[in-house]
C-alpha atoms as a PDB file:
ATOM      1  CA  MET A   1      23.688  -8.709 -26.273  1.00  0.00           C
ATOM      2  CA  PRO A   2      20.418 -10.673 -26.380  1.00  0.00           C
ATOM      3  CA  PHE A   3      17.453  -9.306 -24.453  1.00  0.00           C
ATOM      4  CA  TRP A   4      16.540 -12.711 -23.074  1.00  0.00           C
ATOM      5  CA  ASP A   5      18.719 -14.646 -20.665  1.00  0.00           C
ATOM      6  CA  LYS A   6      18.162 -17.609 -18.358  1.00  0.00           C
ATOM      7  CA  ARG A   7      17.900 -15.359 -15.298  1.00  0.00           C
ATOM      8  CA  SER A   8      14.498 -14.245 -16.578  1.00  0.00           C
ATOM      9  CA  ALA A   9      13.028 -17.544 -15.381  1.00  0.00           C
ATOM     10  CA  GLU A  10      13.985 -16.680 -11.794  1.00  0.00           C
ATOM     11  CA  VAL A  11      11.117 -14.733 -10.273  1.00  0.00           C
ATOM     12  CA  PRO A  12      12.267 -11.803  -8.085  1.00  0.00           C
ATOM     13  CA  ASP A  13      10.339 -11.067  -4.901  1.00  0.00           C
ATOM     14  CA  TRP A  14       8.584  -8.005  -6.321  1.00  0.00           C
ATOM     15  CA  ALA A  15       7.130 -10.048  -9.241  1.00  0.00           C
ATOM     16  CA  ARG A  16       5.334 -12.642  -7.165  1.00  0.00           C
ATOM     17  CA  PRO A  17       2.716 -14.151  -7.495  1.00  0.00           C
ATOM     18  CA  LEU A  18       3.751 -14.680 -11.150  1.00  0.00           C
ATOM     19  CA  SER A  19       4.925 -18.202 -11.973  1.00  0.00           C
ATOM     20  CA  PRO A  20       8.338 -18.548 -13.675  1.00  0.00           C
ATOM     21  CA  GLU A  21       6.591 -19.024 -17.024  1.00  0.00           C
ATOM     22  CA  LYS A  22       4.383 -15.976 -16.564  1.00  0.00           C
ATOM     23  CA  TYR A  23       7.295 -13.905 -15.298  1.00  0.00           C
ATOM     24  CA  ALA A  24       9.201 -14.762 -18.476  1.00  0.00           C
ATOM     25  CA  LEU A  25       6.187 -13.596 -20.505  1.00  0.00           C
ATOM     26  CA  PHE A  26       6.003 -10.451 -18.346  1.00  0.00           C
ATOM     27  CA  VAL A  27       9.640  -9.599 -19.133  1.00  0.00           C
ATOM     28  CA  THR A  28       9.036 -10.127 -22.849  1.00  0.00           C
ATOM     29  CA  THR A  29       5.800  -8.113 -22.914  1.00  0.00           C
ATOM     30  CA  VAL A  30       7.229  -5.171 -20.976  1.00  0.00           C
ATOM     31  CA  GLY A  31      10.386  -5.254 -23.101  1.00  0.00           C
ATOM     32  CA  GLN A  32       8.376  -5.085 -26.318  1.00  0.00           C
ATOM     33  CA  THR A  33       6.332  -2.204 -24.925  1.00  0.00           C
ATOM     34  CA  LEU A  34       9.503  -0.312 -23.985  1.00  0.00           C
ATOM     35  CA  ASP A  35      10.788  -0.803 -27.524  1.00  0.00           C
ATOM     36  CA  GLY A  36       7.511   0.613 -28.821  1.00  0.00           C
ATOM     37  CA  ILE A  37       7.872   3.818 -26.780  1.00  0.00           C
ATOM     38  CA  HIS A  38      11.565   4.108 -27.695  1.00  0.00           C
ATOM     39  CA  ALA A  39      12.758   3.283 -24.187  1.00  0.00           C
ATOM     40  CA  GLY A  40      14.550   0.058 -25.075  1.00  0.00           C
ATOM     41  CA  ASP A  41      17.602   1.135 -23.087  1.00  0.00           C
ATOM     42  CA  GLN A  42      15.595   0.339 -19.942  1.00  0.00           C
ATOM     43  CA  ARG A  43      15.002  -3.317 -20.786  1.00  0.00           C
ATOM     44  CA  GLY A  44      17.891  -4.421 -18.616  1.00  0.00           C
ATOM     45  CA  SER A  45      16.245  -2.763 -15.609  1.00  0.00           C
ATOM     46  CA  ILE A  46      13.069  -4.846 -15.770  1.00  0.00           C
ATOM     47  CA  ARG A  47      14.469  -7.453 -13.392  1.00  0.00           C
ATOM     48  CA  ASP A  48      15.206  -4.715 -10.828  1.00  0.00           C
ATOM     49  CA  GLY A  49      11.516  -3.812 -10.783  1.00  0.00           C
ATOM     50  CA  VAL A  50      12.115  -0.078 -11.309  1.00  0.00           C
ATOM     51  CA  LEU A  51      12.398   1.772 -14.623  1.00  0.00           C
ATOM     52  CA  ARG A  52      13.640   5.309 -15.285  1.00  0.00           C
ATOM     53  CA  LEU A  53      11.471   6.723 -18.054  1.00  0.00           C
ATOM     54  CA  ARG A  54      10.883  10.123 -19.635  1.00  0.00           C
ATOM     55  CA  ASN A  55       7.272  11.316 -19.374  1.00  0.00           C
ATOM     56  CA  SER A  56       5.344  13.434 -21.868  1.00  0.00           C
ATOM     57  CA  ALA A  57       6.601  16.629 -20.188  1.00  0.00           C
ATOM     58  CA  GLY A  58      10.215  15.599 -20.707  1.00  0.00           C
ATOM     59  CA  SER A  59      11.010  14.773 -17.074  1.00  0.00           C
ATOM     60  CA  VAL A  60      12.705  11.498 -16.149  1.00  0.00           C
ATOM     61  CA  GLU A  61      10.998   9.676 -13.272  1.00  0.00           C
ATOM     62  CA  SER A  62      11.143   6.270 -11.565  1.00  0.00           C
ATOM     63  CA  TYR A  63       8.321   3.790 -12.198  1.00  0.00           C
ATOM     64  CA  GLY A  64       7.922   0.576 -10.208  1.00  0.00           C
ATOM     65  CA  LEU A  65       6.739  -2.647 -11.844  1.00  0.00           C
ATOM     66  CA  GLN A  66       5.358  -4.514  -8.820  1.00  0.00           C
ATOM     67  CA  ASN A  67       1.774  -3.276  -9.132  1.00  0.00           C
ATOM     68  CA  LEU A  68       1.750  -4.064 -12.848  1.00  0.00           C
ATOM     69  CA  ALA A  69       3.003  -7.609 -12.203  1.00  0.00           C
ATOM     70  CA  GLN A  70       0.366  -8.205  -9.532  1.00  0.00           C
ATOM     71  CA  THR A  71      -2.386  -6.830 -11.760  1.00  0.00           C
ATOM     72  CA  LEU A  72      -1.402  -9.037 -14.691  1.00  0.00           C
ATOM     73  CA  ALA A  73      -1.296 -12.109 -12.440  1.00  0.00           C
ATOM     74  CA  LEU A  74      -5.069 -11.763 -12.107  1.00  0.00           C
ATOM     75  CA  GLU A  75      -5.708 -11.361 -15.843  1.00  0.00           C
ATOM     76  CA  SER A  76      -5.692 -13.634 -18.891  1.00  0.00           C
ATOM     77  CA  THR A  77      -2.324 -13.572 -20.661  1.00  0.00           C
ATOM     78  CA  ALA A  78      -4.206 -12.769 -23.869  1.00  0.00           C
ATOM     79  CA  GLU A  79      -4.893  -9.329 -22.379  1.00  0.00           C
ATOM     80  CA  TRP A  80      -1.365  -8.608 -21.209  1.00  0.00           C
ATOM     81  CA  SER A  81      -0.074  -6.674 -24.228  1.00  0.00           C
ATOM     82  CA  ARG A  82      -3.044  -4.313 -24.137  1.00  0.00           C
ATOM     83  CA  LEU A  83      -2.905  -3.853 -20.368  1.00  0.00           C
ATOM     84  CA  VAL A  84       0.841  -3.173 -20.343  1.00  0.00           C
ATOM     85  CA  ALA A  85       0.493  -0.629 -23.150  1.00  0.00           C
ATOM     86  CA  GLU A  86      -2.364   1.112 -21.322  1.00  0.00           C
ATOM     87  CA  HIS A  87      -0.369   1.086 -18.080  1.00  0.00           C
ATOM     88  CA  PHE A  88       2.634   2.862 -19.563  1.00  0.00           C
ATOM     89  CA  ASP A  89       0.469   5.258 -21.544  1.00  0.00           C
ATOM     90  CA  ALA A  90      -1.245   6.340 -18.319  1.00  0.00           C
ATOM     91  CA  MET A  91       2.001   6.515 -16.342  1.00  0.00           C
ATOM     92  CA  LEU A  92       3.890   8.575 -18.901  1.00  0.00           C
ATOM     93  CA  THR A  93       1.086  10.966 -19.822  1.00  0.00           C
ATOM     94  CA  VAL A  94       1.325  14.095 -17.699  1.00  0.00           C
ATOM     95  CA  ASP A  95      -1.868  15.786 -16.504  1.00  0.00           C
ATOM     96  CA  GLU A  96      -2.425  19.501 -16.942  1.00  0.00           C
ATOM     97  CA  PRO A  97      -0.321  21.256 -14.285  1.00  0.00           C
ATOM     98  CA  VAL A  98      -2.075  22.552 -11.181  1.00  0.00           C
ATOM     99  CA  THR A  99      -1.215  26.236 -10.860  1.00  0.00           C
ATOM    100  CA  SER A 100      -3.265  27.484  -7.919  1.00  0.00           C
ATOM    101  CA  GLY A 101      -3.835  26.590  -4.297  1.00  0.00           C
ATOM    102  CA  GLU A 102      -7.579  26.882  -4.834  1.00  0.00           C
ATOM    103  CA  VAL A 103      -7.476  23.983  -7.293  1.00  0.00           C
ATOM    104  CA  ALA A 104      -4.815  21.982  -5.458  1.00  0.00           C
ATOM    105  CA  ILE A 105      -6.578  22.002  -2.102  1.00  0.00           C
ATOM    106  CA  LYS A 106      -9.539  20.093  -3.596  1.00  0.00           C
ATOM    107  CA  LEU A 107      -7.247  17.410  -5.025  1.00  0.00           C
ATOM    108  CA  LEU A 108      -5.111  16.707  -1.963  1.00  0.00           C
ATOM    109  CA  ARG A 109      -5.311  13.188  -0.502  1.00  0.00           C
ATOM    110  CA  LEU A 110      -3.539  10.970   2.039  1.00  0.00           C
ATOM    111  CA  ARG A 111      -2.021   7.726   0.835  1.00  0.00           C
ATOM    112  CA  MET A 112      -0.347   4.868   2.712  1.00  0.00           C
ATOM    113  CA  TRP A 113       2.972   3.510   1.452  1.00  0.00           C
ATOM    114  CA  HIS A 114       5.550   1.029   2.618  1.00  0.00           C
ATOM    115  CA  SER A 115       8.641   2.922   3.723  1.00  0.00           C
ATOM    116  CA  ASP A 116      10.705   1.241   0.978  1.00  0.00           C
ATOM    117  CA  TYR A 117       8.926   3.482  -1.523  1.00  0.00           C
ATOM    118  CA  LEU A 118      10.796   6.470  -0.116  1.00  0.00           C
ATOM    119  CA  GLU A 119      14.060   5.060  -1.451  1.00  0.00           C
ATOM    120  CA  GLN A 120      12.877   6.062  -4.925  1.00  0.00           C
ATOM    121  CA  ILE A 121      11.586   9.518  -3.954  1.00  0.00           C
ATOM    122  CA  PRO A 122      12.961  10.476  -0.503  1.00  0.00           C
ATOM    123  CA  GLU A 123      12.170  14.180  -0.881  1.00  0.00           C
ATOM    124  CA  VAL A 124       8.373  13.805  -1.049  1.00  0.00           C
ATOM    125  CA  ILE A 125       6.168  15.120   1.760  1.00  0.00           C
ATOM    126  CA  HIS A 126       5.401  12.290   4.173  1.00  0.00           C
ATOM    127  CA  LYS A 127       5.028  11.227   7.807  1.00  0.00           C
ATOM    128  CA  VAL A 128       6.416   8.029   9.334  1.00  0.00           C
ATOM    129  CA  LEU A 129       3.616   6.177  11.139  1.00  0.00           C
ATOM    130  CA  ALA A 130       5.573   3.118  12.287  1.00  0.00           C
ATOM    131  CA  PRO A 131       8.443   0.936  11.044  1.00  0.00           C
ATOM    132  CA  GLY A 132       7.609   0.009   7.446  1.00  0.00           C
ATOM    133  CA  LEU A 133       4.582   2.308   7.188  1.00  0.00           C
ATOM    134  CA  VAL A 134       4.441   5.919   5.985  1.00  0.00           C
ATOM    135  CA  LEU A 135       1.718   8.390   5.061  1.00  0.00           C
ATOM    136  CA  ALA A 136       2.217  10.525   1.964  1.00  0.00           C
ATOM    137  CA  LEU A 137       0.591  13.778   0.903  1.00  0.00           C
ATOM    138  CA  VAL A 138      -0.479  13.372  -2.736  1.00  0.00           C
ATOM    139  CA  LEU A 139      -2.466  15.049  -5.479  1.00  0.00           C
ATOM    140  CA  ASP A 140      -5.347  13.055  -7.003  1.00  0.00           C
ATOM    141  CA  LEU A 141      -5.134  13.955 -10.707  1.00  0.00           C
ATOM    142  CA  PRO A 142      -7.384  12.623 -13.502  1.00  0.00           C
ATOM    143  CA  LYS A 143      -4.786  10.237 -14.944  1.00  0.00           C
ATOM    144  CA  LYS A 144      -2.626   9.408 -11.938  1.00  0.00           C
ATOM    145  CA  VAL A 145      -1.681  10.229  -8.366  1.00  0.00           C
ATOM    146  CA  MET A 146       1.236  12.622  -7.903  1.00  0.00           C
ATOM    147  CA  SER A 147       3.436  12.772  -4.812  1.00  0.00           C
ATOM    148  CA  LEU A 148       4.325  16.273  -3.623  1.00  0.00           C
ATOM    149  CA  LYS A 149       7.370  18.247  -2.522  1.00  0.00           C
ATOM    150  CA  SER A 150       7.523  21.237  -0.191  1.00  0.00           C
ATOM    151  CA  ASP A 151       8.307  23.727  -2.956  1.00  0.00           C
ATOM    152  CA  GLU A 152       5.050  22.786  -4.707  1.00  0.00           C
ATOM    153  CA  LEU A 153       2.999  23.682  -1.630  1.00  0.00           C
ATOM    154  CA  LYS A 154       4.915  26.943  -1.381  1.00  0.00           C
ATOM    155  CA  ALA A 155       4.174  27.762  -5.029  1.00  0.00           C
ATOM    156  CA  TRP A 156       0.459  27.263  -4.347  1.00  0.00           C
ATOM    157  CA  GLY A 157       0.577  29.412  -1.224  1.00  0.00           C
ATOM    158  CA  LEU A 158      -0.436  26.505   1.028  1.00  0.00           C
ATOM    159  CA  THR A 159       0.992  25.837   4.468  1.00  0.00           C
ATOM    160  CA  SER A 160       1.879  22.284   5.439  1.00  0.00           C
ATOM    161  CA  GLU A 161      -0.759  22.301   8.179  1.00  0.00           C
ATOM    162  CA  LEU A 162      -3.510  23.426   5.802  1.00  0.00           C
ATOM    163  CA  ALA A 163      -2.480  20.883   3.150  1.00  0.00           C
ATOM    164  CA  TRP A 164      -2.517  17.927   5.564  1.00  0.00           C
ATOM    165  CA  SER A 165      -5.860  19.002   7.009  1.00  0.00           C
ATOM    166  CA  ALA A 166      -7.462  19.387   3.570  1.00  0.00           C
ATOM    167  CA  ALA A 167      -6.054  16.039   2.435  1.00  0.00           C
ATOM    168  CA  GLU A 168      -7.601  14.343   5.466  1.00  0.00           C
ATOM    169  CA  GLU A 169     -11.028  15.851   4.859  1.00  0.00           C
ATOM    170  CA  ASN A 170     -10.910  14.951   1.159  1.00  0.00           C
ATOM    171  CA  SER A 171      -9.774  11.390   1.895  1.00  0.00           C
ATOM    172  CA  LYS A 172     -12.579  10.895   4.390  1.00  0.00           C
ATOM    173  CA  ARG A 173     -15.076  11.492   1.582  1.00  0.00           C
ATOM    174  CA  GLU A 174     -13.703   8.668  -0.569  1.00  0.00           C
ATOM    175  CA  GLN A 175     -15.963   5.622  -0.883  1.00  0.00           C
ATOM    176  CA  TYR A 176     -15.311   2.467   1.129  1.00  0.00           C
ATOM    177  CA  GLU A 177     -17.142  -0.629   2.342  1.00  0.00           C
ATOM    178  CA  VAL A 178     -16.881  -2.421   5.697  1.00  0.00           C
ATOM    179  CA  ILE A 179     -17.168  -6.213   5.476  1.00  0.00           C
ATOM    180  CA  PRO A 180     -17.416  -8.060   8.831  1.00  0.00           C
ATOM    181  CA  GLN A 181     -16.272 -11.668   9.131  1.00  0.00           C
ATOM    182  CA  THR A 182     -17.064 -13.744  12.217  1.00  0.00           C
ATOM    183  CA  ARG A 183     -14.545 -16.458  13.046  1.00  0.00           C
ATOM    184  CA  PRO A 184     -15.568 -19.883  14.458  1.00  0.00           C
ATOM    185  CA  ASP A 185     -14.373 -18.769  17.910  1.00  0.00           C
ATOM    186  CA  GLY A 186     -16.728 -15.775  17.792  1.00  0.00           C
ATOM    187  CA  THR A 187     -14.159 -13.030  17.255  1.00  0.00           C
ATOM    188  CA  GLN A 188     -14.842 -10.567  14.458  1.00  0.00           C
ATOM    189  CA  ILE A 189     -12.435  -9.332  11.801  1.00  0.00           C
ATOM    190  CA  PHE A 190     -13.399  -6.398   9.593  1.00  0.00           C
ATOM    191  CA  PHE A 191     -12.219  -5.692   6.057  1.00  0.00           C
ATOM    192  CA  LEU A 192     -12.413  -2.102   4.807  1.00  0.00           C
ATOM    193  CA  THR A 193     -12.283  -2.238   1.024  1.00  0.00           C
ATOM    194  CA  GLY A 194     -12.759   0.011  -1.980  1.00  0.00           C
ATOM    195  CA  ASP A 195     -11.638   0.700  -5.542  1.00  0.00           C
ATOM    196  CA  ASN A 196      -9.918   4.014  -4.810  1.00  0.00           C
ATOM    197  CA  LEU A 197      -6.299   4.346  -3.689  1.00  0.00           C
ATOM    198  CA  TYR A 198      -7.065   5.884  -0.308  1.00  0.00           C
ATOM    199  CA  VAL A 199      -8.997   3.132   1.489  1.00  0.00           C
ATOM    200  CA  THR A 200      -6.140   2.397   3.886  1.00  0.00           C
ATOM    201  CA  SER A 201      -6.076   6.036   5.006  1.00  0.00           C
ATOM    202  CA  ASN A 202      -9.162   5.142   7.044  1.00  0.00           C
ATOM    203  CA  ALA A 203      -6.711   3.631   9.525  1.00  0.00           C
ATOM    204  CA  LEU A 204      -5.937   7.177  10.669  1.00  0.00           C
ATOM    205  CA  TRP A 205      -9.492   7.715  11.909  1.00  0.00           C
ATOM    206  CA  LEU A 206     -10.339   4.050  12.429  1.00  0.00           C
ATOM    207  CA  ASP A 207     -12.443   4.755  15.515  1.00  0.00           C
ATOM    208  CA  GLU A 208     -14.834   6.696  13.262  1.00  0.00           C
ATOM    209  CA  ARG A 209     -15.314   3.650  11.013  1.00  0.00           C
ATOM    210  CA  ILE A 210     -15.466   0.752  13.492  1.00  0.00           C
ATOM    211  CA  GLU A 211     -16.521   0.678  17.130  1.00  0.00           C
ATOM    212  CA  LEU A 212     -13.406   0.191  19.257  1.00  0.00           C
ATOM    213  CA  GLU A 213     -12.488   0.132  22.934  1.00  0.00           C
ATOM    214  CA  SER A 214     -10.330   3.247  23.214  1.00  0.00           C
ATOM    215  CA  GLU A 215      -7.903   1.751  25.747  1.00  0.00           C
ATOM    216  CA  ASN A 216      -7.476  -1.462  23.745  1.00  0.00           C
ATOM    217  CA  GLY A 217      -7.662  -0.387  20.122  1.00  0.00           C
ATOM    218  CA  ALA A 218      -7.214  -3.009  17.412  1.00  0.00           C
ATOM    219  CA  LEU A 219      -4.709  -5.061  15.501  1.00  0.00           C
ATOM    220  CA  ILE A 220      -4.651  -3.897  11.906  1.00  0.00           C
ATOM    221  CA  GLY A 221      -3.105  -4.970   8.634  1.00  0.00           C
ATOM    222  CA  VAL A 222      -2.440  -2.747   5.630  1.00  0.00           C
ATOM    223  CA  PRO A 223      -1.782  -5.433   2.993  1.00  0.00           C
ATOM    224  CA  THR A 224      -2.684  -3.427  -0.121  1.00  0.00           C
ATOM    225  CA  ARG A 225      -3.900   0.015  -1.122  1.00  0.00           C
ATOM    226  CA  HIS A 226      -7.442  -1.386  -1.465  1.00  0.00           C
ATOM    227  CA  VAL A 227      -7.776  -3.344   1.798  1.00  0.00           C
ATOM    228  CA  LEU A 228      -7.517  -2.563   5.504  1.00  0.00           C
ATOM    229  CA  VAL A 229      -7.811  -5.542   7.894  1.00  0.00           C
ATOM    230  CA  VAL A 230      -9.043  -4.789  11.423  1.00  0.00           C
ATOM    231  CA  LEU A 231      -9.267  -7.027  14.493  1.00  0.00           C
ATOM    232  CA  PRO A 232     -10.872  -5.058  17.362  1.00  0.00           C
ATOM    233  CA  ILE A 233      -9.474  -5.940  20.783  1.00  0.00           C
ATOM    234  CA  ARG A 234     -12.476  -6.523  23.032  1.00  0.00           C
ATOM    235  CA  ASP A 235     -11.198  -9.320  25.273  1.00  0.00           C
ATOM    236  CA  ILE A 236      -8.458 -11.912  25.672  1.00  0.00           C
ATOM    237  CA  SER A 237      -9.854 -14.000  22.785  1.00  0.00           C
ATOM    238  CA  VAL A 238      -7.957 -11.729  20.401  1.00  0.00           C
ATOM    239  CA  VAL A 239      -4.924 -13.946  21.021  1.00  0.00           C
ATOM    240  CA  LYS A 240      -6.585 -16.875  19.237  1.00  0.00           C
ATOM    241  CA  ALA A 241      -7.323 -14.782  16.160  1.00  0.00           C
ATOM    242  CA  VAL A 242      -3.841 -13.357  15.576  1.00  0.00           C
ATOM    243  CA  SER A 243      -2.550 -16.333  13.573  1.00  0.00           C
ATOM    244  CA  GLY A 244      -5.524 -16.362  11.191  1.00  0.00           C
ATOM    245  CA  MET A 245      -5.414 -12.604  10.757  1.00  0.00           C
ATOM    246  CA  HIS A 246      -1.694 -12.649  10.017  1.00  0.00           C
ATOM    247  CA  ALA A 247      -2.171 -15.392   7.409  1.00  0.00           C
ATOM    248  CA  ALA A 248      -5.018 -13.499   5.705  1.00  0.00           C
ATOM    249  CA  ASN A 249      -3.060 -10.256   5.723  1.00  0.00           C
ATOM    250  CA  ARG A 250       0.021 -11.895   4.211  1.00  0.00           C
ATOM    251  CA  ARG A 251      -2.023 -13.671   1.531  1.00  0.00           C
ATOM    252  CA  ILE A 252      -3.665 -10.408   0.430  1.00  0.00           C
ATOM    253  CA  PHE A 253      -0.271  -8.675   0.485  1.00  0.00           C
ATOM    254  CA  GLU A 254       1.343 -11.313  -1.723  1.00  0.00           C
ATOM    255  CA  GLU A 255      -1.514 -11.322  -4.235  1.00  0.00           C
ATOM    256  CA  GLY A 256      -1.834  -7.534  -4.537  1.00  0.00           C
ATOM    257  CA  PRO A 257      -2.190  -5.443  -6.524  1.00  0.00           C
ATOM    258  CA  GLY A 258      -0.836  -2.402  -4.755  1.00  0.00           C
ATOM    259  CA  SER A 259       0.942  -4.265  -1.948  1.00  0.00           C
ATOM    260  CA  ILE A 260       1.901  -2.170   1.079  1.00  0.00           C
ATOM    261  CA  SER A 261       2.830  -4.306   4.111  1.00  0.00           C
ATOM    262  CA  ALA A 262       2.717  -7.916   5.284  1.00  0.00           C
ATOM    263  CA  ASP A 263       3.131  -6.790   8.909  1.00  0.00           C
ATOM    264  CA  LEU A 264       0.522  -6.255  11.606  1.00  0.00           C
ATOM    265  CA  TYR A 265       0.259  -3.108  13.716  1.00  0.00           C
ATOM    266  CA  TRP A 266      -1.322  -2.306  17.045  1.00  0.00           C
ATOM    267  CA  TRP A 267      -3.625   0.679  16.552  1.00  0.00           C
ATOM    268  CA  ARG A 268      -4.530   2.566  19.703  1.00  0.00           C
ATOM    269  CA  LYS A 269      -5.655   6.182  20.123  1.00  0.00           C
ATOM    270  CA  ARG A 270      -4.670   6.895  16.514  1.00  0.00           C
ATOM    271  CA  THR A 271      -1.089   5.735  16.894  1.00  0.00           C
ATOM    272  CA  PHE A 272       0.574   2.759  15.182  1.00  0.00           C
ATOM    273  CA  THR A 273       2.950   0.280  16.849  1.00  0.00           C
ATOM    274  CA  LEU A 274       4.588  -2.572  14.951  1.00  0.00           C
ATOM    275  CA  PHE A 275       3.359  -5.984  16.181  1.00  0.00           C
ATOM    276  CA  PRO A 276       6.342  -8.235  15.372  1.00  0.00           C
ATOM    277  CA  ILE A 277       5.629 -11.766  14.183  1.00  0.00           C
ATOM    278  CA  ASP A 278       8.203 -14.380  13.220  1.00  0.00           C
ATOM    279  CA  ALA A 279       6.586 -16.520  10.530  1.00  0.00           C
ATOM    280  CA  SER A 280       9.825 -18.269   9.562  1.00  0.00           C
ATOM    281  CA  VAL A 281       9.481 -20.883  12.308  1.00  0.00           C
ATOM    282  CA  GLN A 282       7.112 -23.858  12.133  1.00  0.00           C
ATOM    283  CA  ARG A 283       4.775 -22.331  14.699  1.00  0.00           C
ATOM    284  CA  MET A 284       4.275 -18.624  14.221  1.00  0.00           C
ATOM    285  CA  GLN A 285       5.741 -16.625  17.104  1.00  0.00           C
ATOM    286  CA  ALA A 286       4.361 -13.219  18.074  1.00  0.00           C
ATOM    287  CA  ARG A 287       6.563 -10.793  19.982  1.00  0.00           C
ATOM    288  CA  PRO A 288       4.083  -8.153  21.134  1.00  0.00           C
ATOM    289  CA  PRO A 289       5.193  -4.854  22.704  1.00  0.00           C
ATOM    290  CA  ASP A 290       5.305  -4.780  26.513  1.00  0.00           C
ATOM    291  CA  GLU A 291       2.332  -2.405  26.632  1.00  0.00           C
ATOM    292  CA  PHE A 292       0.296  -4.877  24.610  1.00  0.00           C
ATOM    293  CA  VAL A 293       1.119  -7.666  27.065  1.00  0.00           C
ATOM    294  CA  ASP A 294       0.107  -5.416  29.959  1.00  0.00           C
ATOM    295  CA  MET A 295      -3.218  -4.784  28.247  1.00  0.00           C
ATOM    296  CA  LEU A 296      -3.836  -8.522  27.772  1.00  0.00           C
ATOM    297  CA  ASN A 297      -3.106  -9.121  31.445  1.00  0.00           C
ATOM    298  CA  ARG A 298      -5.650  -6.464  32.317  1.00  0.00           C
ATOM    299  CA  LEU A 299      -8.235  -8.137  30.055  1.00  0.00           C
ATOM    300  CA  ALA A 300      -7.617 -11.626  31.431  1.00  0.00           C
ATOM    301  CA  PRO A 301     -10.501 -13.154  33.429  1.00  0.00           C
ATOM    302  CA  GLY A 302     -10.088 -12.425  37.112  1.00  0.00           C
ATOM    303  CA  ALA A 303      -7.677  -9.541  36.542  1.00  0.00           C
ATOM    304  CA  LYS A 304      -7.994  -6.638  38.960  1.00  0.00           C
ATOM    305  CA  SER A 305      -9.390  -3.494  37.369  1.00  0.00           C
END
């Protein structure tokens, strides 16, 4: 059976923003790399976006291709073969095992995922923040980030409470930058960015990063692992900024790399509530939660305090 077929020109959702031509090259390049590491039996799974590969320790694990596709979309095709080879080398090389709680506690981090990721590894330690958004407890190793299971904490002698607390403190020390952007109508949107994989975890303690009205909170977007979009709610003018924020969030999500969610969330008092938006109609329609509407009514000029 030939490796190439006409379906390869059809770009699946996970492989966007690759063009059909670049997606075809992606399939070929990844297929050749799989042949080189003697994993050619997985070539037929490329279109599904998830491969099952054996790492250097002999364990078979699932590896998604979305982040790789988004990364390559930003690079010259002349670099693709090298980048794909480096990607799989890093993914399949296992770090030295962590054998003590003393070492593990320094490496613990918090990482945001889309809930779909749990379909691949449902047994990992995580918390559901809101529909489509979860927080995972991970280990920040030299070569890659490793998700954790309860038996690993037990082997290290760490309680769940201690592990989550240490991961939060460690994540807070990761570098980030706050970039303010003032819209023509005067409202401000903030972008928290950084090169590490834990930038979006700042959403958990957002009121320590950006000045917010505690009763109002903010609308936030978690488009990728490197960007957190924040629209503080200071007055009724927030309504005018929702459309632009949603468009920016979706654009960043689609471009990647490391896409998490195209949705917006209402952040208030360190809780997350999905802010539903129907973008399929000609004019975007927001369907905010009742509590959000009540807040807007309170902020409206002339409203009774």
